[in-house]
Amino acid sequence: MLHRLVDRILGLAPSEGPKPVVTRDIAVPMPDGARLYADRYRPPGDEPMPVVLIRSIYGRKGLFPDLVASVFARRGLQVVTQSVRGTFGSEGTLSAFHQEREDGLATVAWLRDQRWCDGRVAMAGASYLGHTAWAVAPYLDEPLEALCAAIVSSDVTDAFYPGGAFALGTWGPWGVLVAQQEKRTSPLQGKKTARAIRSSPVSELDIAATGERIPFLREVTARDVWSGINHREAIPDLKTPASLFTGWYDIFLQGQLDDFKALQAAGTQARITIGPWSHAEPSSIGPQLADQASWLRAHFGLESLADRQPVRLFLQNADRWLDFDQWPPAESVPTTLHLAPGGELSPEPGSTSDSFTYDPADPTPSIGGAVLSGKTKQQDNNALEARPDVLVYTGEPLEANLDVIGEITAVIHVDAEQADIFVRLCDVSPQGVSRNVTDGIVRLRPGQATAEVTLDPTAYRFGRGHRLRMQISGGAFPRFDRPTENPCPIEISHTSRIILPVFGS
């Protein structure tokens, strides 16, 4: 009865499978002698079965790990969940992101030697759990049967410094969370971390938030080389069928679409689903598990592969799912809009300029968008746009619906000594409410006069009577760190433009 209720809450098709048999605390030996501990879930019986491996930095016991493993096991899959090195009983020292290739390869080899495994192994996971799968899949001599990676990319460094700016609002809280997750901490730790992020030098964030040095934050804020954790370069050698899953407001969206294009270019069987979600949004969990269970079962020969095109995406503001054979869709046509005097967004280029000053003592705030926590996705931007450090350019009311589906670039001609250029595309309702659709950032190099800003891809319908709006500012704090310690005048030329992929034009 409880399992049926869980399926109903998650929106999953009912499963009549029996209650899984669970074996706890299995020691998996590593080549250096460390033991990493795992739990095994399987349908009743003792015959050898394929294994779905899930490797987690967040622990293998508790409501969510049990939920994921039991959802798969009740659908005929044998699941092994493992705590990565240095977490939740697994021996050794945690070195986030660096350790997962060698430990994962050793775990797969160990699984294939167990009498209860028939030699076939797949990997699945979301976020860091998906990273552990990417860290293994391209490097096995005997390929995985299937790969399921949700809300993560094969190169997580994409999300550390998008456009060259440190994603402070994502990795600051994440680093503190992982360092503190097995300790008894104050209920006020979240507020302490938020205060440290806003008031402390980035290099001292860990001390200000926890009183301790956190190796991950020390490395990422010092921009250390991070070798060995970019697995996109190995995609051409990957022969494992891959199912990817993400959302339009996920921090890894661009990277995951890059993965999908690389998989298709390599001739690897792949599909991707993109919904109206932010990172790990609760409403995305059911669809994610359904996507992964169907892919795993199909590649273990338990059901037929779903008949769908490789790309399935949700068209926001239209409440429609669309299918395509590639990304970006061939039907989208690049359309250019230019800055113009008087705050207009025009099909014709202008020749003058506007200016503002970015002040790190009062940094331009971040509102909504692809953030890890807090208010995500679309938010009211009107108060932000009233600030003197935000330039706003608005188009005419639309005479018909306008669908923008694909990749978006802004070319900004700028005069500034040291600055970030943050560009945001917004949807302005007939009532005048401005809501963000997508955005991107570039940290200027000394002497750089042109910034090509890659905004996150989108699929969005601007309704008839609505207007498109483009924001330009010098930052989005604390989502990204401050680019400078001193006030910086910034001049933006009206020769700047944004290129939109208009669908079906």
Protein backbone atom coordinates (compact mmCIF):
# COMPACT_ATOMS: atom_id res chain seq x y z
CA MET A 1 0.00 0.00 0.00
CA LEU A 2 2.84 2.43 0.89
CA HIS A 3 4.61 1.71 -2.41
CA ARG A 4 1.42 2.44 -4.35
CA LEU A 5 1.07 5.72 -2.50
CA VAL A 6 4.69 6.66 -3.35
CA ASP A 7 4.07 5.86 -7.02
CA ARG A 8 0.94 7.99 -7.00
CA ILE A 9 2.70 10.96 -5.34
CA LEU A 10 5.56 10.77 -7.85
CA GLY A 11 3.22 10.37 -10.80
CA LEU A 12 4.70 6.97 -11.68
CA ALA A 13 2.84 4.16 -13.36
CA PRO A 14 1.81 1.67 -10.63
CA SER A 15 4.20 -1.21 -10.00
CA GLU A 16 2.95 -4.52 -8.69
CA GLY A 17 6.45 -5.82 -7.98
CA PRO A 18 7.09 -7.38 -4.55
CA LYS A 19 8.83 -5.60 -1.70
CA PRO A 20 12.59 -5.53 -2.41
CA VAL A 21 15.03 -7.61 -0.38
CA VAL A 22 17.66 -5.27 1.11
CA THR A 23 21.20 -6.24 2.18
CA ARG A 24 22.97 -3.50 4.13
CA ASP A 25 26.59 -2.48 4.65
CA ILE A 26 28.36 -4.55 2.01
CA ALA A 27 32.12 -3.80 2.07
CA VAL A 28 33.57 -3.15 -1.38
CA PRO A 29 37.41 -3.23 -1.33
CA MET A 30 39.39 -0.63 -3.25
CA PRO A 31 42.91 -1.19 -4.66
CA ASP A 32 44.46 0.96 -1.88
CA GLY A 33 42.81 -1.12 0.86
CA ALA A 34 39.95 1.28 1.67
CA ARG A 35 36.50 -0.23 1.96
CA LEU A 36 33.53 1.59 0.50
CA TYR A 37 30.17 0.48 1.86
CA ALA A 38 27.08 -0.30 -0.17
CA ASP A 39 23.49 -1.52 0.15
CA ARG A 40 21.83 -3.91 -2.29
CA TYR A 41 18.14 -3.92 -3.28
CA ARG A 42 16.69 -6.67 -5.45
CA PRO A 43 13.45 -8.49 -6.16
CA PRO A 44 13.08 -11.70 -4.08
CA GLY A 45 15.17 -14.64 -5.37
CA ASP A 46 18.81 -15.64 -5.62
CA GLU A 47 19.44 -15.98 -9.35
CA PRO A 48 22.18 -13.75 -10.86
CA MET A 49 20.81 -10.46 -12.19
CA PRO A 50 22.18 -7.33 -13.82
CA VAL A 51 23.05 -4.47 -11.43
CA VAL A 52 22.24 -0.77 -11.47
CA LEU A 53 25.03 1.03 -9.59
CA ILE A 54 24.31 4.35 -7.88
CA ARG A 55 27.26 6.03 -6.14
CA SER A 56 26.33 8.86 -3.75
CA ILE A 57 28.12 11.57 -1.80
CA TYR A 58 24.97 12.19 0.28
CA GLY A 59 24.59 8.81 1.98
CA ARG A 60 22.79 5.61 1.05
CA LYS A 61 20.28 5.41 3.91
CA GLY A 62 17.24 7.52 4.53
CA LEU A 63 14.03 8.41 2.74
CA PHE A 64 15.37 9.55 -0.63
CA PRO A 65 18.04 6.87 -1.26
CA ASP A 66 15.59 4.17 -0.19
CA LEU A 67 12.87 5.66 -2.39
CA VAL A 68 15.02 5.69 -5.53
CA ALA A 69 16.42 2.19 -5.02
CA SER A 70 13.03 0.70 -4.15
CA VAL A 71 11.34 2.34 -7.17
CA PHE A 72 13.86 0.60 -9.42
CA ALA A 73 13.83 -2.72 -7.52
CA ARG A 74 10.03 -2.92 -7.62
CA ARG A 75 10.36 -2.67 -11.39
CA GLY A 76 12.54 -5.75 -11.63
CA LEU A 77 15.97 -4.13 -11.27
CA GLN A 78 18.76 -5.04 -8.85
CA VAL A 79 20.28 -1.88 -7.38
CA VAL A 80 23.51 -1.27 -5.47
CA THR A 81 23.83 2.11 -3.74
CA GLN A 82 27.32 3.00 -2.53
CA SER A 83 28.64 5.80 -0.34
CA VAL A 84 31.63 7.39 -2.05
CA ARG A 85 35.04 7.50 -0.36
CA GLY A 86 35.15 9.40 2.91
CA THR A 87 31.37 9.67 3.37
CA PHE A 88 28.78 7.88 5.50
CA GLY A 89 30.94 4.99 6.67
CA SER A 90 33.05 4.50 3.56
CA GLU A 91 36.73 4.64 4.42
CA GLY A 92 39.34 7.05 3.11
CA THR A 93 39.31 10.83 2.71
CA LEU A 94 36.78 12.64 0.56
CA SER A 95 38.27 14.52 -2.38
CA ALA A 96 35.13 15.73 -4.11
CA PHE A 97 35.00 15.04 -7.86
CA HIS A 98 38.64 13.84 -8.07
CA GLN A 99 38.22 10.33 -6.68
CA GLU A 100 35.24 8.97 -8.56
CA ARG A 101 36.93 7.55 -11.65
CA GLU A 102 39.28 5.08 -9.96
CA ASP A 103 36.86 4.15 -7.17
CA GLY A 104 34.01 3.71 -9.63
CA LEU A 105 36.04 1.51 -11.96
CA ALA A 106 37.09 -0.68 -9.03
CA THR A 107 33.49 -0.97 -7.86
CA VAL A 108 32.22 -2.05 -11.29
CA ALA A 109 34.97 -4.68 -11.52
CA TRP A 110 34.04 -5.97 -8.05
CA LEU A 111 30.34 -6.14 -8.93
CA ARG A 112 31.01 -8.21 -12.02
CA ASP A 113 32.79 -10.79 -9.87
CA GLN A 114 29.85 -11.29 -7.49
CA ARG A 115 27.76 -14.46 -7.82
CA TRP A 116 24.53 -12.42 -7.65
CA CYS A 117 25.57 -10.27 -10.65
CA ASP A 118 25.24 -11.76 -14.13
CA GLY A 119 28.07 -9.53 -15.40
CA ARG A 120 25.88 -6.74 -16.74
CA VAL A 121 26.15 -3.36 -14.99
CA ALA A 122 24.49 -0.01 -15.64
CA MET A 123 24.91 3.28 -13.76
CA ALA A 124 22.35 5.91 -12.87
CA GLY A 125 22.19 9.06 -10.82
CA ALA A 126 21.31 12.73 -10.56
CA SER A 127 23.58 15.70 -9.81
CA TYR A 128 26.75 14.45 -8.04
CA LEU A 129 25.42 10.88 -8.37
CA GLY A 130 25.29 11.47 -12.12
CA HIS A 131 28.86 12.78 -12.04
CA THR A 132 30.01 9.49 -10.52
CA ALA A 133 28.44 7.70 -13.49
CA TRP A 134 30.12 9.98 -16.05
CA ALA A 135 33.43 9.43 -14.25
CA VAL A 136 33.22 5.69 -15.02
CA ALA A 137 31.22 5.11 -18.20
CA PRO A 138 33.78 6.20 -20.86
CA TYR A 139 36.71 4.30 -19.34
CA LEU A 140 35.53 0.70 -19.02
CA ASP A 141 37.00 -1.93 -21.34
CA GLU A 142 33.66 -3.77 -21.12
CA PRO A 143 31.04 -1.02 -21.51
CA LEU A 144 28.13 -0.41 -19.18
CA GLU A 145 24.78 -1.67 -20.44
CA ALA A 146 23.24 1.77 -19.96
CA LEU A 147 23.95 5.21 -18.52
CA CYS A 148 21.36 7.50 -16.92
CA ALA A 149 22.63 10.96 -15.96
CA ALA A 150 20.23 13.62 -14.70
CA ILE A 151 20.82 17.30 -13.87
CA VAL A 152 24.60 17.04 -14.37
CA SER A 153 27.08 17.29 -17.21
CA SER A 154 30.12 15.22 -18.10
CA ASP A 155 32.28 18.28 -17.39
CA VAL A 156 31.18 19.78 -14.07
CA THR A 157 33.79 22.53 -14.40
CA ASP A 158 31.32 24.13 -16.85
CA ALA A 159 29.26 25.10 -13.82
CA PHE A 160 32.13 26.25 -11.58
CA TYR A 161 33.04 29.33 -13.62
CA PRO A 162 30.36 29.98 -16.26
CA GLY A 163 31.64 32.74 -18.51
CA GLY A 164 34.65 33.10 -16.20
CA ALA A 165 32.65 34.24 -13.14
CA PHE A 166 32.65 32.01 -10.05
CA ALA A 167 29.19 30.57 -9.35
CA LEU A 168 29.41 31.58 -5.69
CA GLY A 169 25.73 31.09 -4.86
CA THR A 170 25.90 27.46 -6.01
CA TRP A 171 29.26 26.15 -4.86
CA GLY A 172 29.59 28.12 -1.63
CA PRO A 173 26.49 26.53 -0.02
CA TRP A 174 27.21 23.16 -1.66
CA GLY A 175 30.75 23.03 -0.28
CA VAL A 176 29.54 23.87 3.21
CA LEU A 177 26.68 21.35 2.99
CA VAL A 178 28.93 18.45 2.00
CA ALA A 179 31.54 19.32 4.63
CA GLN A 180 28.91 19.57 7.38
CA GLN A 181 26.40 16.91 6.37
CA GLU A 182 27.55 14.26 8.85
CA LYS A 183 28.03 16.68 11.74
CA ARG A 184 25.55 18.01 14.23
CA THR A 185 25.23 21.62 13.17
CA SER A 186 23.23 24.59 14.35
CA PRO A 187 19.78 25.19 12.81
CA LEU A 188 21.20 28.61 11.96
CA GLN A 189 24.02 27.20 9.80
CA GLY A 190 22.18 28.13 6.59
CA LYS A 191 21.88 31.76 7.66
CA LYS A 192 25.53 31.78 8.76
CA THR A 193 26.59 30.46 5.36
CA ALA A 194 24.46 33.04 3.54
CA ARG A 195 25.97 35.82 5.67
CA ALA A 196 29.49 34.56 4.97
CA ILE A 197 28.83 34.46 1.23
CA ARG A 198 27.64 38.07 1.23
CA SER A 199 30.28 39.57 3.52
CA SER A 200 33.49 37.52 3.36
CA PRO A 201 36.28 37.35 0.78
CA VAL A 202 35.69 34.33 -1.43
CA SER A 203 39.00 32.81 -0.34
CA GLU A 204 37.89 32.86 3.32
CA LEU A 205 34.32 31.72 2.80
CA ASP A 206 34.83 28.34 4.46
CA ILE A 207 36.34 29.80 7.65
CA ALA A 208 33.62 32.44 7.90
CA ALA A 209 30.83 29.91 7.40
CA THR A 210 32.12 26.97 9.49
CA GLY A 211 35.32 27.96 11.28
CA GLU A 212 37.17 25.24 9.34
CA ARG A 213 39.05 24.88 6.07
CA ILE A 214 37.04 23.02 3.41
CA PRO A 215 39.34 21.48 0.78
CA PHE A 216 36.79 21.65 -2.03
CA LEU A 217 36.14 25.36 -1.49
CA ARG A 218 39.86 26.05 -1.17
CA GLU A 219 40.48 24.40 -4.53
CA VAL A 220 37.58 25.83 -6.48
CA THR A 221 37.95 29.41 -5.24
CA ALA A 222 41.69 29.32 -5.95
CA ARG A 223 40.89 28.19 -9.51
CA ASP A 224 43.13 25.14 -9.19
CA VAL A 225 43.66 23.09 -12.33
CA TRP A 226 40.88 20.51 -11.71
CA SER A 227 42.46 17.97 -14.01
CA GLY A 228 40.79 14.60 -14.42
CA ILE A 229 37.18 15.63 -13.89
CA ASN A 230 36.31 16.71 -17.44
CA HIS A 231 34.89 13.58 -19.06
CA ARG A 232 33.42 15.19 -22.20
CA GLU A 233 36.68 14.64 -24.04
CA ALA A 234 36.09 10.88 -23.67
CA ILE A 235 32.55 10.91 -25.12
CA PRO A 236 33.73 9.97 -28.67
CA ASP A 237 34.91 6.65 -27.20
CA LEU A 238 31.68 6.00 -25.26
CA LYS A 239 29.55 3.16 -26.63
CA THR A 240 27.06 3.04 -23.76
CA PRO A 241 23.45 4.07 -24.53
CA ALA A 242 22.76 7.25 -22.53
CA SER A 243 19.56 8.86 -21.30
CA LEU A 244 19.94 12.46 -20.10
CA PHE A 245 17.42 14.46 -18.09
CA THR A 246 17.42 18.13 -17.09
CA GLY A 247 15.36 21.31 -16.71
CA TRP A 248 15.33 24.76 -18.29
CA TYR A 249 16.46 26.29 -14.97
CA ASP A 250 19.09 23.72 -14.06
CA ILE A 251 22.65 24.85 -13.33
CA PHE A 252 24.00 22.11 -15.65
CA LEU A 253 21.60 22.70 -18.57
CA GLN A 254 24.11 24.03 -21.10
CA GLY A 255 26.65 21.34 -20.27
CA GLN A 256 24.10 18.57 -20.55
CA LEU A 257 23.00 19.76 -23.97
CA ASP A 258 26.67 19.86 -24.99
CA ASP A 259 26.91 16.24 -23.82
CA PHE A 260 23.91 15.28 -25.90
CA LYS A 261 25.33 16.90 -29.04
CA ALA A 262 28.67 15.14 -28.44
CA LEU A 263 26.90 11.79 -28.01
CA GLN A 264 24.96 12.25 -31.24
CA ALA A 265 28.13 13.31 -33.08
CA ALA A 266 29.84 10.14 -31.83
CA GLY A 267 26.98 7.97 -33.09
CA THR A 268 26.07 6.82 -29.57
CA GLN A 269 22.44 6.01 -28.86
CA ALA A 270 21.18 8.89 -26.70
CA ARG A 271 18.09 10.79 -25.71
CA ILE A 272 17.45 13.88 -23.59
CA THR A 273 14.40 15.18 -21.75
CA ILE A 274 14.17 18.86 -20.74
CA GLY A 275 11.31 19.97 -18.54
CA PRO A 276 10.14 23.14 -16.77
CA TRP A 277 12.29 22.48 -13.69
CA SER A 278 15.13 23.87 -11.63
CA HIS A 279 17.90 21.73 -10.11
CA ALA A 280 16.43 18.80 -8.15
CA GLU A 281 12.98 20.40 -8.09
CA PRO A 282 10.63 17.98 -6.28
CA SER A 283 8.15 17.89 -9.17
CA SER A 284 10.93 16.59 -11.44
CA ILE A 285 11.75 13.51 -9.34
CA GLY A 286 8.89 11.33 -10.59
CA PRO A 287 9.51 12.06 -14.30
CA GLN A 288 13.26 11.54 -13.79
CA LEU A 289 12.79 8.13 -12.15
CA ALA A 290 10.29 7.08 -14.81
CA ASP A 291 12.76 8.11 -17.54
CA GLN A 292 15.62 6.21 -15.96
CA ALA A 293 13.62 3.08 -15.08
CA SER A 294 12.32 2.76 -18.63
CA TRP A 295 15.83 3.20 -20.13
CA LEU A 296 17.38 0.68 -17.73
CA ARG A 297 14.66 -1.91 -18.20
CA ALA A 298 14.85 -1.58 -21.98
CA HIS A 299 18.60 -2.07 -22.06
CA PHE A 300 18.39 -5.04 -19.72
CA GLY A 301 15.82 -6.60 -22.04
CA LEU A 302 12.86 -6.29 -19.65
CA GLU A 303 10.70 -4.10 -21.89
CA SER A 304 10.71 -2.47 -25.31
CA LEU A 305 12.42 0.84 -25.76
CA ALA A 306 9.96 3.73 -25.80
CA ASP A 307 9.16 4.97 -29.31
CA ARG A 308 10.15 8.64 -29.16
CA GLN A 309 12.53 11.04 -30.84
CA PRO A 310 15.88 11.73 -29.20
CA VAL A 311 14.95 15.22 -27.93
CA ARG A 312 11.84 15.78 -25.81
CA LEU A 313 11.35 19.27 -24.42
CA PHE A 314 8.70 21.30 -22.66
CA LEU A 315 7.66 24.54 -24.36
CA GLN A 316 7.24 26.91 -21.45
CA ASN A 317 4.23 29.20 -21.29
CA ALA A 318 2.49 26.92 -23.81
CA ASP A 319 2.09 23.79 -21.64
CA ARG A 320 3.24 21.56 -24.50
CA TRP A 321 5.85 18.84 -24.94
CA LEU A 322 7.65 18.78 -28.30
CA ASP A 323 9.86 16.09 -29.85
CA PHE A 324 12.81 16.63 -32.20
CA ASP A 325 15.51 14.50 -33.75
CA GLN A 326 18.34 16.90 -32.84
CA TRP A 327 19.38 19.87 -30.73
CA PRO A 328 19.00 22.66 -31.51
CA PRO A 329 15.91 22.13 -33.67
CA ALA A 330 16.53 22.71 -37.36
CA GLU A 331 13.26 24.65 -37.55
CA SER A 332 14.63 27.52 -35.40
CA VAL A 333 15.89 30.53 -37.36
CA PRO A 334 18.38 33.06 -35.90
CA THR A 335 16.73 36.46 -35.45
CA THR A 336 18.66 39.52 -34.30
CA LEU A 337 17.43 42.36 -32.10
CA HIS A 338 19.55 45.44 -31.39
CA LEU A 339 19.82 47.98 -28.61
CA ALA A 340 18.37 51.35 -29.53
CA PRO A 341 18.09 54.81 -27.94
CA GLY A 342 15.35 55.33 -25.39
CA GLY A 343 15.62 51.79 -24.03
CA GLU A 344 14.20 50.17 -27.14
CA LEU A 345 14.94 46.70 -28.48
CA SER A 346 14.79 47.02 -32.24
CA PRO A 347 15.37 45.01 -35.44
CA GLU A 348 17.58 47.93 -36.57
CA PRO A 349 21.02 48.66 -35.01
CA GLY A 350 21.64 51.91 -33.15
CA SER A 351 24.79 54.04 -33.03
CA THR A 352 24.85 55.70 -29.60
CA SER A 353 25.50 54.22 -26.14
CA ASP A 354 24.35 54.03 -22.53
CA SER A 355 26.40 53.80 -19.35
CA PHE A 356 26.14 52.87 -15.69
CA THR A 357 28.46 52.20 -12.74
CA TYR A 358 28.86 48.85 -11.03
CA ASP A 359 29.55 49.29 -7.31
CA PRO A 360 30.82 46.21 -5.43
CA ALA A 361 29.71 47.83 -2.16
CA ASP A 362 26.14 47.66 -3.49
CA PRO A 363 26.36 44.85 -6.05
CA THR A 364 23.57 44.26 -8.54
CA PRO A 365 21.52 41.49 -6.91
CA SER A 366 20.55 38.16 -8.42
CA ILE A 367 16.86 37.35 -8.72
CA GLY A 368 15.60 33.91 -9.76
CA GLY A 369 17.07 31.95 -12.64
CA ALA A 370 19.18 28.80 -12.60
CA VAL A 371 20.27 28.76 -8.97
CA LEU A 372 20.74 25.88 -6.54
CA SER A 373 18.49 27.13 -3.77
CA GLY A 374 16.19 29.96 -2.77
CA LYS A 375 13.82 31.53 -5.27
CA THR A 376 14.58 29.88 -8.59
CA LYS A 377 13.16 29.98 -12.12
CA GLN A 378 11.01 32.96 -13.11
CA GLN A 379 10.63 35.89 -10.72
CA ASP A 380 9.35 39.46 -10.87
CA ASN A 381 12.26 41.60 -12.12
CA ASN A 382 10.64 45.03 -11.90
CA ALA A 383 12.46 46.15 -8.74
CA LEU A 384 15.77 44.96 -10.19
CA GLU A 385 15.16 46.85 -13.43
CA ALA A 386 14.51 50.09 -11.51
CA ARG A 387 18.11 50.15 -10.25
CA PRO A 388 20.50 52.65 -11.86
CA ASP A 389 23.06 49.87 -12.49
CA VAL A 390 20.73 47.89 -14.77
CA LEU A 391 20.14 48.86 -18.41
CA VAL A 392 16.80 47.81 -19.88
CA TYR A 393 15.78 47.54 -23.55
CA THR A 394 12.23 46.60 -24.47
CA GLY A 395 10.60 45.59 -27.75
CA GLU A 396 7.17 46.42 -29.12
CA PRO A 397 4.12 44.35 -28.09
CA LEU A 398 3.98 41.12 -30.08
CA GLU A 399 1.25 40.81 -32.68
CA ALA A 400 1.31 36.99 -32.41
CA ASN A 401 2.80 34.30 -30.19
CA LEU A 402 6.57 34.01 -30.55
CA ASP A 403 8.28 30.70 -29.77
CA VAL A 404 11.99 30.86 -28.96
CA ILE A 405 13.57 27.38 -29.00
CA GLY A 406 17.30 26.85 -29.08
CA GLU A 407 20.58 28.53 -28.17
CA ILE A 408 20.87 32.26 -27.48
CA THR A 409 23.86 34.57 -27.80
CA ALA A 410 24.30 38.25 -27.01
CA VAL A 411 27.13 40.27 -28.52
CA ILE A 412 27.86 43.22 -26.24
CA HIS A 413 30.27 46.01 -27.25
CA VAL A 414 31.59 47.44 -24.02
CA ASP A 415 34.05 49.96 -22.62
CA ALA A 416 35.10 49.03 -19.07
CA GLU A 417 38.34 48.40 -17.20
CA GLN A 418 37.24 45.34 -15.24
CA ALA A 419 33.71 44.05 -15.11
CA ASP A 420 31.21 41.29 -15.60
CA ILE A 421 28.58 41.59 -18.30
CA PHE A 422 25.36 39.91 -17.21
CA VAL A 423 22.64 39.66 -19.85
CA ARG A 424 19.09 38.55 -19.18
CA LEU A 425 16.13 37.99 -21.50
CA CYS A 426 12.75 38.75 -19.93
CA ASP A 427 9.05 38.41 -20.79
CA VAL A 428 7.04 41.56 -20.05
CA SER A 429 3.31 41.02 -19.62
CA PRO A 430 0.67 43.50 -20.85
CA GLN A 431 0.38 44.55 -17.19
CA GLY A 432 4.08 45.48 -17.17
CA VAL A 433 5.42 42.63 -15.03
CA SER A 434 8.89 41.58 -16.20
CA ARG A 435 9.83 37.93 -15.60
CA ASN A 436 13.19 36.39 -16.44
CA VAL A 437 13.38 33.67 -19.10
CA THR A 438 17.11 33.00 -19.45
CA ASP A 439 20.45 34.69 -18.83
CA GLY A 440 24.25 34.43 -19.06
CA ILE A 441 27.43 36.11 -17.90
CA VAL A 442 30.95 36.88 -19.13
CA ARG A 443 33.86 38.16 -17.03
CA LEU A 444 35.78 40.61 -19.19
CA ARG A 445 39.51 40.24 -19.74
CA PRO A 446 41.64 43.42 -19.50
CA GLY A 447 41.17 45.42 -22.69
CA GLN A 448 38.29 43.26 -23.95
CA ALA A 449 35.87 45.40 -25.97
CA THR A 450 33.40 42.74 -27.12
CA ALA A 451 31.69 40.19 -24.90
CA GLU A 452 29.96 37.22 -26.51
CA VAL A 453 27.56 36.12 -23.79
CA THR A 454 26.07 32.65 -24.04
CA LEU A 455 22.66 32.64 -22.39
CA ASP A 456 21.21 29.34 -21.21
CA PRO A 457 19.21 27.63 -23.97
CA THR A 458 15.44 27.77 -23.69
CA ALA A 459 12.13 26.76 -25.16
CA TYR A 460 9.67 29.52 -24.35
CA ARG A 461 6.53 31.07 -25.79
CA PHE A 462 6.21 34.85 -25.58
CA GLY A 463 2.48 35.45 -25.79
CA ARG A 464 0.67 37.85 -28.08
CA GLY A 465 0.67 41.32 -26.53
CA HIS A 466 3.78 40.57 -24.46
CA ARG A 467 7.10 42.29 -25.04
CA LEU A 468 10.67 41.00 -25.08
CA ARG A 469 13.08 42.76 -22.75
CA MET A 470 16.86 42.59 -22.51
CA GLN A 471 18.68 43.52 -19.31
CA ILE A 472 22.39 44.37 -19.13
CA SER A 473 24.18 44.79 -15.82
CA GLY A 474 27.59 44.33 -14.23
CA GLY A 475 26.79 41.27 -12.15
CA ALA A 476 24.26 39.13 -10.30
CA PHE A 477 25.32 38.77 -6.68
CA PRO A 478 25.57 36.43 -4.81
CA ARG A 479 24.79 34.02 -7.65
CA PHE A 480 28.20 35.07 -9.03
CA ASP A 481 31.08 36.63 -7.11
CA ARG A 482 31.95 40.30 -7.42
CA PRO A 483 34.19 41.00 -10.45
CA THR A 484 36.05 43.93 -8.89
CA GLU A 485 36.82 45.57 -5.53
CA ASN A 486 36.31 49.11 -6.84
CA PRO A 487 33.42 50.92 -8.57
CA CYS A 488 33.59 50.40 -12.32
CA PRO A 489 32.01 52.66 -14.99
CA ILE A 490 30.64 50.58 -17.87
CA GLU A 491 29.58 51.92 -21.27
CA ILE A 492 27.44 49.77 -23.58
CA SER A 493 27.27 50.55 -27.30
CA HIS A 494 23.95 50.35 -29.15
CA THR A 495 25.74 48.26 -31.76
CA SER A 496 25.22 45.43 -29.24
CA ARG A 497 22.64 42.77 -30.07
CA ILE A 498 20.98 39.53 -29.06
CA ILE A 499 20.44 36.61 -31.45
CA LEU A 500 17.31 34.57 -30.75
CA PRO A 501 16.34 31.19 -32.26
CA VAL A 502 12.78 31.86 -33.43
CA PHE A 503 10.94 28.61 -34.02
CA GLY A 504 8.94 28.05 -37.18
CA SER A 505 9.49 31.52 -38.62
